[in-house]
Protein backbone atom coordinates (compact mmCIF):
# COMPACT_ATOMS: atom_id res chain seq x y z
CA MET A 1 0.02 0.00 0.09
CA GLN A 2 1.18 3.29 -1.06
CA PHE A 3 1.18 6.09 1.51
CA THR A 4 -0.02 9.48 0.67
CA LEU A 5 2.32 12.22 2.00
CA ASN A 6 -0.14 13.38 4.75
CA GLN A 7 -0.37 9.69 5.84
CA ALA A 8 3.46 9.47 5.61
CA ILE A 9 4.52 12.70 7.74
CA LYS A 10 2.15 11.59 10.24
CA ASN A 11 3.54 8.15 10.56
CA HIS A 12 6.98 9.05 10.33
CA TRP A 13 6.54 11.86 13.07
CA ARG A 14 4.90 9.90 15.53
CA THR A 15 7.26 6.91 15.19
CA ALA A 16 10.23 9.45 15.40
CA ASN A 17 8.69 11.09 18.66
CA GLU A 18 8.16 7.62 20.22
CA LEU A 19 11.93 6.55 19.49
CA LEU A 20 13.15 10.00 20.80
CA LYS A 21 11.21 9.27 24.01
CA GLU A 22 13.09 5.73 24.22
CA ASN A 23 16.34 7.49 23.67
CA GLN A 24 16.86 5.47 20.51
CA LEU A 25 18.63 8.29 18.66
CA GLU A 26 19.70 6.41 15.70
CA GLU A 27 16.43 5.05 14.71
CA ALA A 28 14.68 8.34 15.55
CA ASN A 29 17.20 10.16 13.24
CA GLU A 30 16.10 7.79 10.46
CA TYR A 31 12.50 8.59 10.81
CA LEU A 32 13.28 12.28 11.11
CA ASP A 33 15.08 11.95 7.75
CA ARG A 34 12.02 10.34 6.26
CA CYS A 35 9.95 13.27 7.49
CA LEU A 36 12.64 15.58 5.40
CA VAL A 37 11.94 13.53 2.10
CA VAL A 38 8.18 13.82 2.72
CA LEU A 39 8.77 17.63 2.98
CA ALA A 40 10.95 17.78 0.14
CA LYS A 41 8.34 16.21 -2.11
CA ALA A 42 5.50 18.39 -0.59
CA THR A 43 7.56 21.43 -1.52
CA GLY A 44 8.40 20.08 -4.85
CA ASN A 45 4.79 19.62 -5.45
CA ASN A 46 3.94 23.17 -4.36
CA GLN A 47 1.98 21.82 -1.32
CA ASN A 48 1.42 24.19 1.48
CA GLU A 49 -0.30 21.92 4.01
CA LEU A 50 0.31 18.33 5.04
CA ALA A 51 -2.03 16.48 7.59
CA GLY A 52 -3.72 19.85 8.46
CA VAL A 53 -0.46 21.67 9.21
CA ARG A 54 1.65 24.02 7.22
CA VAL A 55 4.60 22.67 5.72
CA GLU A 56 6.82 25.39 6.78
CA LEU A 57 5.62 24.31 10.27
CA TRP A 58 6.56 20.67 9.83
CA LYS A 59 9.89 21.90 8.61
CA GLU A 60 10.49 23.68 11.92
CA ARG A 61 9.18 20.70 13.95
CA VAL A 62 11.67 18.43 12.49
CA TRP A 63 14.51 20.80 12.39
CA TYR A 64 14.04 21.50 16.18
CA ALA A 65 13.98 17.75 16.91
CA LEU A 66 16.92 17.18 15.10
CA GLU A 67 18.75 20.11 16.85
CA ASN A 68 17.44 19.70 20.41
CA ASN A 69 18.58 15.89 20.21
CA GLY A 70 21.87 16.45 18.92
CA LEU A 71 21.15 14.89 15.65
CA LEU A 72 22.80 17.47 13.12
CA ASN A 73 26.03 17.00 11.70
CA ASP A 74 28.57 19.68 12.52
CA ALA A 75 29.99 19.18 8.66
């Protein structure tokens, strides 16, 4: 079954947050990366909203989750 972008962002975000609560950072990082892919697709499709939330707000949420949990690379 192929997920819509709305379903994908909700599922990936929920899973990432559950993993963060369990301090499973590597796995959480994978799901946050998946969120970024969904958001990139939505942006490419000129979608302004996913699952009833502005795409820009989703981007901020993912960024803060990555930043607040030390998951950003210092490249």
